[in-house]
Amino acid sequence: MRYLVSVIDDKSNPGSTDRQPAISAFNERLIAEGYWVFAGGLADTDAATVIDNRGEQAVFSDGPFVESKEYLAGVWVWEAPDLDVALKLAAEASKVCDRKVEVRPFQ
């Protein structure tokens, strides 16, 4: 089963900025153990553009789709045998990146 692991940061109380070496080591372990599918950090929400093309013309809006103190800072996609394994890895990921994470299975 594949899982999307969203890394959640907080503008008013951001996680540590010195976590990249620990995150790289964690990613290497995920790769070695066969869980890693993809990972990536995201630019700040100020760089976001929302596109709505449900009407006559596409509407482009600067900024995130919702204003919030919490925002999506990055993602992992993992292949894990079940939710219990994904949650165990996610608990480690939260510690490693010093941020909250959300785990959601793909359908």
Protein backbone atom coordinates (compact mmCIF):
# COMPACT_ATOMS: atom_id res chain seq x y z
CA MET A 1 0.00 0.00 0.00
CA ARG A 2 1.22 3.51 -0.75
CA TYR A 3 0.95 6.35 1.74
CA LEU A 4 1.24 10.10 1.36
CA VAL A 5 3.05 11.61 4.33
CA SER A 6 2.52 15.36 4.48
CA VAL A 7 5.00 17.44 6.47
CA ILE A 8 3.17 20.23 8.29
CA ASP A 9 5.03 23.34 9.42
CA ASP A 10 3.73 26.25 11.48
CA LYS A 11 4.47 29.88 10.60
CA SER A 12 4.14 30.99 14.23
CA ASN A 13 6.25 28.12 15.63
CA PRO A 14 8.36 26.63 12.81
CA GLY A 15 10.39 23.46 13.16
CA SER A 16 14.17 23.49 13.38
CA THR A 17 16.00 24.56 10.24
CA ASP A 18 19.06 22.35 10.85
CA ARG A 19 17.31 19.02 10.20
CA GLN A 20 18.53 18.29 6.65
CA PRO A 21 21.38 15.90 7.65
CA ALA A 22 18.99 13.88 9.84
CA ILE A 23 16.31 13.89 7.12
CA SER A 24 18.85 12.71 4.52
CA ALA A 25 19.94 9.85 6.80
CA PHE A 26 16.29 8.89 7.40
CA ASN A 27 15.62 8.96 3.64
CA GLU A 28 18.64 6.71 3.04
CA ARG A 29 17.23 4.23 5.55
CA LEU A 30 13.79 4.37 3.89
CA ILE A 31 15.45 3.61 0.54
CA ALA A 32 17.57 0.77 1.96
CA GLU A 33 14.52 -0.83 3.63
CA GLY A 34 12.35 -0.50 0.50
CA TYR A 35 9.80 2.03 1.82
CA TRP A 36 10.87 5.16 -0.10
CA VAL A 37 9.02 6.06 -3.30
CA PHE A 38 9.39 9.84 -3.44
CA ALA A 39 10.15 12.82 -1.22
CA GLY A 40 10.34 16.55 -1.72
CA GLY A 41 10.31 19.82 0.14
CA LEU A 42 8.06 22.63 -1.03
CA ALA A 43 8.67 26.35 -1.51
CA ASP A 44 7.01 28.79 0.87
CA THR A 45 3.28 29.36 0.41
CA ASP A 46 4.04 32.84 -0.98
CA ALA A 47 5.26 31.06 -4.13
CA ALA A 48 1.95 29.19 -4.64
CA THR A 49 -0.54 29.81 -7.44
CA VAL A 50 -4.08 28.46 -7.41
CA ILE A 51 -5.76 27.78 -10.76
CA ASP A 52 -9.53 27.35 -11.08
CA ASN A 53 -10.60 26.39 -14.61
CA ARG A 54 -14.11 25.17 -13.77
CA GLY A 55 -15.82 28.11 -15.46
CA GLU A 56 -15.60 29.95 -18.77
CA GLN A 57 -11.98 30.99 -18.21
CA ALA A 58 -9.13 29.90 -16.00
CA VAL A 59 -8.69 32.08 -12.91
CA PHE A 60 -5.18 32.36 -11.47
CA SER A 61 -4.77 33.50 -7.85
CA ASP A 62 -1.52 34.20 -6.03
CA GLY A 63 -0.91 32.48 -2.73
CA PRO A 64 -2.09 29.25 -1.15
CA PHE A 65 -5.61 27.88 -1.59
CA VAL A 66 -6.27 28.54 2.11
CA GLU A 67 -4.66 30.98 4.53
CA SER A 68 -3.50 29.23 7.68
CA LYS A 69 -0.70 29.39 10.19
CA GLU A 70 0.00 25.73 9.34
CA TYR A 71 1.02 24.76 5.83
CA LEU A 72 2.31 21.88 3.75
CA ALA A 73 6.11 22.06 3.83
CA GLY A 74 6.93 18.82 2.05
CA VAL A 75 5.85 15.28 1.28
CA TRP A 76 7.00 11.70 1.30
CA VAL A 77 5.38 8.86 -0.59
CA TRP A 78 6.06 5.48 1.01
CA GLU A 79 5.30 1.89 0.13
CA ALA A 80 4.49 0.02 3.35
CA PRO A 81 2.83 -3.34 3.99
CA ASP A 82 0.16 -1.81 6.24
CA LEU A 83 -0.94 1.27 8.17
CA ASP A 84 0.82 0.19 11.36
CA VAL A 85 4.20 0.22 9.60
CA ALA A 86 3.42 3.57 7.96
CA LEU A 87 2.43 5.10 11.32
CA LYS A 88 5.59 3.81 13.00
CA LEU A 89 7.71 5.34 10.24
CA ALA A 90 5.69 8.56 10.45
CA ALA A 91 6.39 8.87 14.17
CA GLU A 92 10.09 8.61 13.38
CA ALA A 93 9.73 11.09 10.50
CA SER A 94 8.06 13.65 12.75
CA LYS A 95 10.95 13.42 15.21
CA VAL A 96 13.57 13.56 12.45
CA CYS A 97 12.14 16.61 10.66
CA ASP A 98 10.89 18.33 13.86
CA ARG A 99 7.43 18.89 12.39
CA LYS A 100 3.98 17.34 12.50
CA VAL A 101 3.15 14.85 9.78
CA GLU A 102 -0.12 13.50 8.38
CA VAL A 103 -0.40 10.00 6.95
CA ARG A 104 -3.00 9.23 4.28
CA PRO A 105 -3.29 6.07 2.21
CA PHE A 106 -3.74 6.30 -1.54
CA GLN A 107 -6.96 4.76 -2.85
